[in-house]
Amino acid sequence: MRRNAALFIAISLLSGFGSSAMSLVAGIWILDLTDSASLAALAGLCVYAPVLGGPWLGGLLDRAPRRPLVMAVNLALSTVLLSLLMVRGPGQTWLIFLVSCAYGLSYVLIDAGETALLPSALSPTELGDVNGWRSSAQEGMKLVAPLVGAGLYAWRGGHAVVLLSAAMPVLVTVLYAAVRLKRMPPVRPADRPRGVRAGLAVLLAQRALRVTVVLAAVSIAMSGFTTAANYAIVTTELGLPTTFLGVLLSAQGAGSVVGGLVVGRLIARWSPVTVGVAGTTLFAVSCLVRCLPWWPGTVAASVVAGIGLPWALVAAVTAVQTHTPPAMLGRVSGTANTAMFGPVALAIPLGSAFVHLGERLTLGTAAAICLASVVGAAHRHLTWRKAERTSTASPERGDRLPDPDRATGASAHGTRCRRDRPTTVRG
């Protein structure tokens, strides 16, 4: 299992390096070719737009062999990237947009595919740790890869970055082939999930999934909602140059690396729900600290936000892996990704408009929304735990039932005994 864990972390390092380097260079390249900042920004929109198709794309992973499909997606991405070697002037800018869309499509399929493959490669007790380490690896690459990509672009041009980025999916494919998966019983056609609503039904039926995905969605959406306010705080309230935003981004990245390294142990000790509550609370605190007219506090708030966001996200991903029937992991993972990342597309423009009422009001509103979600989740969680303790104390129930919200006590391949959980389909 440790071998598989090391392979998945290496996969995250390589894929994170290639995508982070290319995502920055794509915008710079378009800006150089067209001299249009708005067109350069559209490259980022192309990357995030495919997440809205997560429920449908995730369904492909439940109908096809998951590892071969993920490997094929990586090889296809490498091929599409090489098409950028034909870019010579403004007339080929559309190719960069096409590759940005391909990146977005691959993110949805590969993220859902990895989420579905991990339970077949690791034990339930390892999922939280490995998810956290993968998050740290990806965040670490976001600090290193943009600098390498920008430097290589300035030195040798966009084609050199294309060759480097195209090599990463090929190497990732080799690592996927080396992963040892547990042999699973075949899923009968009658047991395969049908319809897009099947993934949503699982998310709504499983309370651990419901709570953690909502907390992650709120945290991520509010991070987008406060983007414009963060800019205004730095340039207007603190009177600092725009380059200080790079310091804040690095501070948040450092916090994310640290947060990812410890989140697995926290999930194993407590539960995904508890860690999700803690992560959303930390992000709310970071919003409030940013309101202080003190630049060291703003840097500290970025570190705290960098810790809180991965906690909320990793808690949700681990809950999906440990509380979803194996035959539905692809569909549920895709639906969860859409639920967590889809709202940010609306939150960013809303925050850009809301900031005209005041940057501190925007940050305070985001903190209030996060804290309201935390209070609701914590109240429900305590109510459920109290009901469980009452039911297990009854002489008719006998021995105490395991806590279904703990990642260490919930097997992705076992039969659920609670009435609010569907029967597990072995796959």
Protein backbone atom coordinates (compact mmCIF):
# COMPACT_ATOMS: atom_id res chain seq x y z
CA MET A 1 0.00 0.00 0.00
CA ARG A 2 2.89 2.38 0.71
CA ARG A 3 4.09 1.79 -2.84
CA ASN A 4 0.70 2.85 -4.19
CA ALA A 5 0.65 5.90 -1.92
CA ALA A 6 4.06 7.00 -3.23
CA LEU A 7 2.88 6.51 -6.83
CA PHE A 8 -0.23 8.63 -6.34
CA ILE A 9 1.79 11.41 -4.70
CA ALA A 10 4.23 11.32 -7.62
CA ILE A 11 1.27 11.49 -10.01
CA SER A 12 0.03 14.61 -8.20
CA LEU A 13 3.48 16.21 -8.39
CA LEU A 14 3.89 15.61 -12.12
CA SER A 15 0.35 16.50 -13.16
CA GLY A 16 0.35 19.55 -10.89
CA PHE A 17 3.64 20.76 -12.35
CA GLY A 18 2.52 20.42 -15.96
CA SER A 19 -0.90 21.97 -15.52
CA SER A 20 0.27 24.87 -13.31
CA ALA A 21 3.06 25.80 -15.70
CA MET A 22 0.80 25.68 -18.76
CA SER A 23 -2.15 27.49 -17.18
CA LEU A 24 -0.02 30.57 -16.48
CA VAL A 25 1.77 30.51 -19.84
CA ALA A 26 -1.52 30.13 -21.75
CA GLY A 27 -2.72 33.51 -20.49
CA ILE A 28 0.65 35.18 -21.09
CA TRP A 29 0.84 33.71 -24.59
CA ILE A 30 -2.64 34.94 -25.53
CA LEU A 31 -1.82 38.38 -24.13
CA ASP A 32 1.36 38.57 -26.20
CA LEU A 33 -0.41 37.42 -29.37
CA THR A 34 -3.55 39.57 -29.10
CA ASP A 35 -2.63 42.38 -26.67
CA SER A 36 -6.02 41.73 -25.04
CA ALA A 37 -6.27 41.15 -21.28
CA SER A 38 -9.92 40.08 -21.58
CA LEU A 39 -9.04 37.32 -24.07
CA ALA A 40 -6.22 36.18 -21.81
CA ALA A 41 -8.66 35.91 -18.89
CA LEU A 42 -11.00 33.75 -21.00
CA ALA A 43 -8.37 31.00 -21.00
CA GLY A 44 -9.05 30.52 -17.29
CA LEU A 45 -12.79 30.38 -17.91
CA CYS A 46 -12.26 27.63 -20.48
CA VAL A 47 -10.43 25.58 -17.84
CA TYR A 48 -13.22 25.84 -15.25
CA ALA A 49 -16.29 25.60 -17.51
CA PRO A 50 -16.19 21.77 -17.96
CA VAL A 51 -16.64 21.23 -14.20
CA LEU A 52 -20.35 21.89 -14.77
CA GLY A 53 -20.49 18.61 -16.70
CA GLY A 54 -19.11 16.61 -13.78
CA PRO A 55 -22.19 14.40 -13.20
CA TRP A 56 -22.24 13.31 -16.85
CA LEU A 57 -18.46 12.93 -17.22
CA GLY A 58 -18.22 11.03 -13.94
CA GLY A 59 -20.80 8.59 -15.26
CA LEU A 60 -18.31 7.51 -17.92
CA LEU A 61 -16.04 6.22 -15.15
CA ASP A 62 -18.80 3.97 -13.84
CA ARG A 63 -19.42 2.44 -17.26
CA ALA A 64 -15.82 1.88 -18.37
CA PRO A 65 -12.65 0.46 -16.77
CA ARG A 66 -11.41 3.37 -14.67
CA ARG A 67 -7.64 3.03 -14.88
CA PRO A 68 -7.53 2.55 -18.70
CA LEU A 69 -9.88 5.52 -19.11
CA VAL A 70 -7.76 7.80 -16.92
CA MET A 71 -4.61 6.69 -18.75
CA ALA A 72 -6.27 7.35 -22.12
CA VAL A 73 -7.33 10.82 -21.00
CA ASN A 74 -3.74 11.67 -20.05
CA LEU A 75 -2.39 10.46 -23.39
CA ALA A 76 -5.09 12.39 -25.26
CA LEU A 77 -4.22 15.53 -23.28
CA SER A 78 -0.56 15.15 -24.23
CA THR A 79 -1.53 14.85 -27.91
CA VAL A 80 -3.77 17.92 -27.78
CA LEU A 81 -1.01 19.91 -26.08
CA LEU A 82 1.37 19.17 -28.94
CA SER A 83 -1.07 20.93 -31.31
CA LEU A 84 0.16 24.20 -29.77
CA LEU A 85 3.42 23.73 -31.67
CA MET A 86 1.47 25.06 -34.67
CA VAL A 87 0.85 28.43 -32.97
CA ARG A 88 2.81 31.06 -34.88
CA GLY A 89 0.68 34.19 -34.60
CA PRO A 90 -2.71 35.67 -33.57
CA GLY A 91 -4.47 33.51 -36.16
CA GLN A 92 -3.76 30.37 -34.12
CA THR A 93 -4.93 31.77 -30.78
CA TRP A 94 -7.99 29.53 -30.97
CA LEU A 95 -5.70 26.55 -30.45
CA ILE A 96 -4.71 27.85 -27.02
CA PHE A 97 -8.40 28.15 -26.08
CA LEU A 98 -8.98 24.62 -27.37
CA VAL A 99 -6.16 23.27 -25.20
CA SER A 100 -7.50 25.19 -22.18
CA CYS A 101 -10.87 23.48 -22.67
CA ALA A 102 -9.10 20.13 -23.00
CA TYR A 103 -7.32 20.78 -19.72
CA GLY A 104 -10.62 21.55 -18.02
CA LEU A 105 -12.20 18.40 -19.42
CA SER A 106 -9.24 16.30 -18.30
CA TYR A 107 -9.35 17.80 -14.81
CA VAL A 108 -12.93 16.63 -14.33
CA LEU A 109 -12.30 13.10 -15.63
CA ILE A 110 -8.93 12.62 -13.93
CA ASP A 111 -10.04 14.06 -10.57
CA ALA A 112 -13.12 11.85 -10.53
CA GLY A 113 -11.06 8.90 -11.78
CA GLU A 114 -8.41 9.26 -9.08
CA THR A 115 -11.08 9.61 -6.41
CA ALA A 116 -12.65 6.38 -7.67
CA LEU A 117 -9.33 4.51 -8.00
CA LEU A 118 -7.85 5.37 -4.60
CA PRO A 119 -10.18 3.10 -2.56
CA SER A 120 -9.09 0.19 -4.79
CA ALA A 121 -5.41 0.99 -4.22
CA LEU A 122 -5.35 1.96 -0.52
CA SER A 123 -6.89 0.84 2.72
CA PRO A 124 -9.64 3.06 4.21
CA THR A 125 -7.31 4.20 7.00
CA GLU A 126 -4.78 5.53 4.45
CA LEU A 127 -7.19 7.57 2.35
CA GLY A 128 -7.17 10.69 4.50
CA ASP A 129 -3.38 10.81 4.73
CA VAL A 130 -2.83 10.25 1.01
CA ASN A 131 -5.50 12.76 0.03
CA GLY A 132 -3.79 15.32 2.24
CA TRP A 133 -0.33 14.55 0.85
CA ARG A 134 -1.66 14.81 -2.70
CA SER A 135 -3.16 18.20 -1.84
CA SER A 136 0.21 19.35 -0.45
CA ALA A 137 1.99 18.12 -3.58
CA GLN A 138 -0.40 19.99 -5.87
CA GLU A 139 -0.18 23.19 -3.85
CA GLY A 140 3.60 22.92 -3.74
CA MET A 141 3.70 22.71 -7.52
CA LYS A 142 1.55 25.85 -7.75
CA LEU A 143 4.41 27.68 -6.03
CA VAL A 144 7.19 26.26 -8.22
CA ALA A 145 5.69 25.47 -11.63
CA PRO A 146 4.47 29.00 -12.58
CA LEU A 147 7.97 30.38 -11.98
CA VAL A 148 9.54 27.62 -14.09
CA GLY A 149 6.94 28.01 -16.82
CA ALA A 150 7.25 31.79 -16.98
CA GLY A 151 11.05 31.59 -16.97
CA LEU A 152 11.10 28.97 -19.73
CA TYR A 153 8.60 31.02 -21.76
CA ALA A 154 10.78 34.15 -21.45
CA TRP A 155 13.88 32.15 -22.42
CA ARG A 156 12.70 29.83 -25.20
CA GLY A 157 9.11 30.81 -25.94
CA GLY A 158 5.76 29.03 -25.67
CA HIS A 159 6.76 25.95 -27.67
CA ALA A 160 9.34 24.94 -25.05
CA VAL A 161 6.69 25.09 -22.32
CA VAL A 162 4.38 23.01 -24.51
CA LEU A 163 6.97 20.23 -24.85
CA LEU A 164 7.62 20.22 -21.11
CA SER A 165 3.91 20.17 -20.23
CA ALA A 166 3.12 17.49 -22.84
CA ALA A 167 5.71 15.17 -21.29
CA MET A 168 4.01 15.25 -17.88
CA PRO A 169 0.79 13.34 -18.83
CA VAL A 170 2.90 10.65 -20.51
CA LEU A 171 4.94 10.14 -17.34
CA VAL A 172 1.73 10.13 -15.30
CA THR A 173 0.33 7.39 -17.55
CA VAL A 174 3.40 5.23 -16.83
CA LEU A 175 2.88 5.71 -13.09
CA TYR A 176 -0.82 4.78 -13.35
CA ALA A 177 0.20 1.53 -15.04
CA ALA A 178 2.47 0.73 -12.07
CA VAL A 179 -0.31 1.11 -9.46
CA ARG A 180 -1.44 -2.21 -7.96
CA LEU A 181 -5.22 -2.34 -7.63
CA LYS A 182 -7.17 -4.79 -5.53
CA ARG A 183 -9.21 -7.23 -7.59
CA MET A 184 -12.89 -6.35 -7.25
CA PRO A 185 -15.91 -8.53 -8.11
CA PRO A 186 -17.50 -7.52 -11.41
CA VAL A 187 -20.55 -5.29 -11.21
CA ARG A 188 -23.68 -6.77 -12.70
CA PRO A 189 -25.38 -4.63 -15.39
CA ALA A 190 -28.50 -4.49 -13.23
CA ASP A 191 -26.48 -2.93 -10.39
CA ARG A 192 -24.92 -0.19 -12.47
CA PRO A 193 -26.25 3.30 -11.67
CA ARG A 194 -28.46 4.90 -14.28
CA GLY A 195 -29.14 8.57 -14.89
CA VAL A 196 -27.39 11.74 -13.80
CA ARG A 197 -29.53 11.99 -10.67
CA ALA A 198 -28.07 8.75 -9.27
CA GLY A 199 -24.92 10.53 -8.04
CA LEU A 200 -26.93 13.39 -6.57
CA ALA A 201 -29.20 10.91 -4.79
CA VAL A 202 -26.20 9.35 -3.03
CA LEU A 203 -24.89 12.76 -1.98
CA LEU A 204 -28.25 13.69 -0.50
CA ALA A 205 -28.84 10.33 1.17
CA GLN A 206 -25.46 10.04 2.91
CA ARG A 207 -25.26 12.54 5.74
CA ALA A 208 -21.44 12.61 5.89
CA LEU A 209 -21.32 13.40 2.17
CA ARG A 210 -24.09 15.96 2.40
CA VAL A 211 -22.42 17.96 5.15
CA THR A 212 -18.80 17.81 3.99
CA VAL A 213 -19.59 18.63 0.35
CA VAL A 214 -21.73 21.61 1.38
CA LEU A 215 -18.99 22.92 3.69
CA ALA A 216 -16.37 22.57 0.94
CA ALA A 217 -18.68 24.24 -1.60
CA VAL A 218 -19.33 27.18 0.73
CA SER A 219 -15.62 27.63 1.54
CA ILE A 220 -14.52 27.48 -2.09
CA ALA A 221 -17.35 29.75 -3.26
CA MET A 222 -16.51 32.34 -0.58
CA SER A 223 -12.84 32.24 -1.59
CA GLY A 224 -13.99 33.37 -5.03
CA PHE A 225 -16.50 35.85 -3.59
CA THR A 226 -13.70 37.63 -1.65
CA THR A 227 -11.18 37.81 -4.52
CA ALA A 228 -12.02 41.39 -5.50
CA ALA A 229 -12.17 42.43 -1.83
CA ASN A 230 -8.68 41.06 -1.25
CA TYR A 231 -7.39 43.15 -4.15
CA ALA A 232 -9.09 46.25 -2.75
CA ILE A 233 -7.75 45.67 0.76
CA VAL A 234 -4.17 45.50 -0.53
CA THR A 235 -4.27 48.44 -2.94
CA THR A 236 -6.78 50.79 -1.28
CA GLU A 237 -6.83 50.10 2.45
CA LEU A 238 -3.19 49.12 2.95
CA GLY A 239 -1.81 51.27 0.14
CA LEU A 240 0.55 48.52 -1.02
CA PRO A 241 1.60 47.78 -4.62
CA THR A 242 -0.22 45.08 -6.56
CA THR A 243 2.94 42.94 -6.44
CA PHE A 244 2.15 42.34 -2.75
CA LEU A 245 -0.61 40.03 -3.96
CA GLY A 246 2.16 37.61 -4.96
CA VAL A 247 3.33 37.55 -1.34
CA LEU A 248 -0.20 36.71 -0.21
CA LEU A 249 -0.50 33.97 -2.84
CA SER A 250 2.77 32.43 -1.69
CA ALA A 251 1.66 32.63 1.96
CA GLN A 252 -1.60 30.88 1.12
CA GLY A 253 0.29 28.23 -0.83
CA ALA A 254 2.59 27.61 2.11
CA GLY A 255 -0.42 27.24 4.40
CA SER A 256 -1.97 24.76 1.97
CA VAL A 257 1.17 22.63 1.95
CA VAL A 258 1.22 22.49 5.76
CA GLY A 259 -2.53 21.93 6.00
CA GLY A 260 -2.39 19.05 3.54
CA LEU A 261 0.35 17.29 5.48
CA VAL A 262 -1.67 17.11 8.72
CA VAL A 263 -5.26 16.81 7.50
CA GLY A 264 -5.11 13.01 7.11
CA ARG A 265 -4.20 12.51 10.76
CA LEU A 266 -6.99 14.83 11.84
CA ILE A 267 -9.55 12.91 9.78
CA ALA A 268 -8.32 9.61 11.24
CA ARG A 269 -8.55 10.99 14.79
CA TRP A 270 -11.91 12.70 14.46
CA SER A 271 -14.05 12.51 11.29
CA PRO A 272 -14.43 14.14 7.86
CA VAL A 273 -17.37 16.17 9.18
CA THR A 274 -15.35 17.56 12.11
CA VAL A 275 -12.39 18.44 9.89
CA GLY A 276 -14.72 20.03 7.32
CA VAL A 277 -16.22 22.20 10.07
CA ALA A 278 -12.74 23.18 11.26
CA GLY A 279 -11.59 24.07 7.73
CA THR A 280 -14.60 26.27 7.00
CA THR A 281 -14.20 27.96 10.40
CA LEU A 282 -10.55 28.74 9.67
CA PHE A 283 -11.47 30.33 6.36
CA ALA A 284 -14.11 32.48 8.08
CA VAL A 285 -11.49 33.60 10.62
CA SER A 286 -9.12 34.51 7.79
CA CYS A 287 -11.79 36.74 6.23
CA LEU A 288 -12.27 38.59 9.51
CA VAL A 289 -8.51 39.03 10.06
CA ARG A 290 -8.14 40.51 6.57
CA CYS A 291 -10.38 43.38 7.71
CA LEU A 292 -7.63 44.59 10.05
CA PRO A 293 -5.63 47.57 8.69
CA TRP A 294 -2.34 45.75 9.29
CA TRP A 295 -0.36 44.05 6.55
CA PRO A 296 1.21 41.31 8.76
CA GLY A 297 -2.34 40.34 9.72
CA THR A 298 -3.23 40.07 6.04
CA VAL A 299 -0.28 37.74 5.46
CA ALA A 300 -1.27 35.64 8.49
CA ALA A 301 -4.85 35.50 7.19
CA SER A 302 -3.57 34.12 3.87
CA VAL A 303 -1.73 31.34 5.70
CA VAL A 304 -4.85 30.50 7.72
CA ALA A 305 -6.99 30.45 4.55
CA GLY A 306 -4.41 28.18 2.93
CA ILE A 307 -4.83 25.71 5.78
CA GLY A 308 -8.62 25.89 5.98
CA LEU A 309 -9.52 25.43 2.31
CA PRO A 310 -7.62 22.11 1.85
CA TRP A 311 -9.07 20.81 5.11
CA ALA A 312 -12.61 21.40 3.85
CA LEU A 313 -11.83 19.96 0.41
CA VAL A 314 -9.90 16.87 1.57
CA ALA A 315 -12.59 16.11 4.17
CA ALA A 316 -15.23 16.08 1.43
CA VAL A 317 -13.14 13.95 -0.96
CA THR A 318 -12.36 11.42 1.78
CA ALA A 319 -16.03 11.24 2.74
CA VAL A 320 -16.93 10.52 -0.89
CA GLN A 321 -14.37 7.72 -1.07
CA THR A 322 -15.39 6.05 2.19
CA HIS A 323 -19.18 6.42 2.02
CA THR A 324 -19.94 5.73 -1.66
CA PRO A 325 -20.74 2.31 -3.18
CA PRO A 326 -17.78 1.30 -5.40
CA ALA A 327 -19.94 0.98 -8.52
CA MET A 328 -20.98 4.64 -8.21
CA LEU A 329 -17.69 6.28 -7.24
CA GLY A 330 -17.11 7.91 -10.64
CA ARG A 331 -20.58 9.42 -10.86
CA VAL A 332 -20.67 10.58 -7.25
CA SER A 333 -17.15 12.03 -7.48
CA GLY A 334 -18.05 13.99 -10.60
CA THR A 335 -21.26 15.26 -9.02
CA ALA A 336 -19.39 16.25 -5.84
CA ASN A 337 -16.77 18.15 -7.88
CA THR A 338 -19.52 20.06 -9.66
CA ALA A 339 -21.20 20.86 -6.35
CA MET A 340 -17.93 22.04 -4.78
CA PHE A 341 -16.39 23.98 -7.66
CA GLY A 342 -19.39 25.02 -9.76
CA PRO A 343 -20.65 27.79 -7.40
CA VAL A 344 -17.33 29.66 -7.57
CA ALA A 345 -18.09 30.61 -11.19
CA LEU A 346 -21.07 32.62 -9.91
CA ALA A 347 -19.44 33.77 -6.66
CA ILE A 348 -16.55 35.58 -8.39
CA PRO A 349 -18.70 38.04 -10.41
CA LEU A 350 -21.06 38.49 -7.44
CA GLY A 351 -18.11 39.39 -5.23
CA SER A 352 -16.80 41.78 -7.89
CA ALA A 353 -20.12 43.63 -7.81
CA PHE A 354 -20.60 43.41 -4.03
CA VAL A 355 -17.16 44.93 -3.33
CA HIS A 356 -18.52 48.33 -4.45
CA LEU A 357 -20.46 48.36 -1.16
CA GLY A 358 -17.18 48.01 0.73
CA GLU A 359 -14.36 45.47 0.90
CA ARG A 360 -14.78 44.93 4.65
CA LEU A 361 -18.52 44.37 4.20
CA THR A 362 -17.72 41.78 1.52
CA LEU A 363 -15.25 39.96 3.75
CA GLY A 364 -17.64 40.12 6.72
CA THR A 365 -20.48 38.73 4.60
CA ALA A 366 -18.30 35.82 3.46
CA ALA A 367 -17.29 35.10 7.06
CA ALA A 368 -20.93 35.20 8.19
CA ILE A 369 -22.00 32.75 5.46
CA CYS A 370 -19.18 30.36 6.37
CA LEU A 371 -19.95 30.54 10.09
CA ALA A 372 -23.67 30.02 9.48
CA SER A 373 -22.83 26.87 7.50
CA VAL A 374 -20.53 25.70 10.30
CA VAL A 375 -23.19 26.26 12.98
CA GLY A 376 -25.77 24.36 10.94
CA ALA A 377 -23.40 21.47 10.23
CA ALA A 378 -22.18 21.27 13.83
CA HIS A 379 -25.72 21.33 15.21
CA ARG A 380 -26.84 18.53 12.90
CA HIS A 381 -23.72 16.49 13.60
CA LEU A 382 -24.17 16.75 17.37
CA THR A 383 -27.85 15.86 17.01
CA TRP A 384 -26.98 12.75 14.99
CA ARG A 385 -24.28 11.69 17.45
CA LYS A 386 -26.65 12.17 20.39
CA ALA A 387 -29.31 10.08 18.63
CA GLU A 388 -26.75 7.34 17.96
CA ARG A 389 -25.64 7.27 21.59
CA THR A 390 -29.26 7.05 22.69
CA SER A 391 -30.02 4.22 20.27
CA THR A 392 -26.88 2.25 21.14
CA ALA A 393 -27.67 2.55 24.86
CA SER A 394 -30.99 0.79 24.28
CA PRO A 395 -30.91 -2.89 25.40
CA GLU A 396 -32.63 -3.97 22.18
CA ARG A 397 -29.71 -2.68 20.08
CA GLY A 398 -26.93 -4.56 21.83
CA ASP A 399 -23.38 -3.60 20.96
CA ARG A 400 -22.51 -0.08 19.92
CA LEU A 401 -22.57 0.65 16.20
CA PRO A 402 -19.47 2.13 14.55
CA ASP A 403 -19.44 5.83 13.83
CA PRO A 404 -20.36 6.10 10.13
CA ASP A 405 -18.75 9.52 9.79
CA ARG A 406 -15.23 8.38 10.66
CA ALA A 407 -13.00 7.62 7.71
CA THR A 408 -11.24 4.92 9.71
CA GLY A 409 -14.45 3.09 10.46
CA ALA A 410 -16.22 3.25 7.14
CA SER A 411 -15.17 0.80 4.47
CA ALA A 412 -15.98 1.62 0.90
CA HIS A 413 -16.76 -2.05 0.30
CA GLY A 414 -18.84 -2.95 3.33
CA THR A 415 -22.61 -3.07 3.73
CA ARG A 416 -24.16 -0.04 5.38
CA CYS A 417 -26.58 -0.80 8.18
CA ARG A 418 -28.19 2.60 8.65
CA ARG A 419 -31.60 3.26 7.15
CA ASP A 420 -30.50 6.56 5.60
CA ARG A 421 -27.80 4.81 3.56
CA PRO A 422 -28.43 2.76 0.41
CA THR A 423 -27.16 -0.79 0.32
CA THR A 424 -23.59 -0.97 -0.91
CA VAL A 425 -23.10 -2.38 -4.39
CA ARG A 426 -19.93 -4.39 -4.66
CA GLY A 427 -17.90 -3.46 -7.71
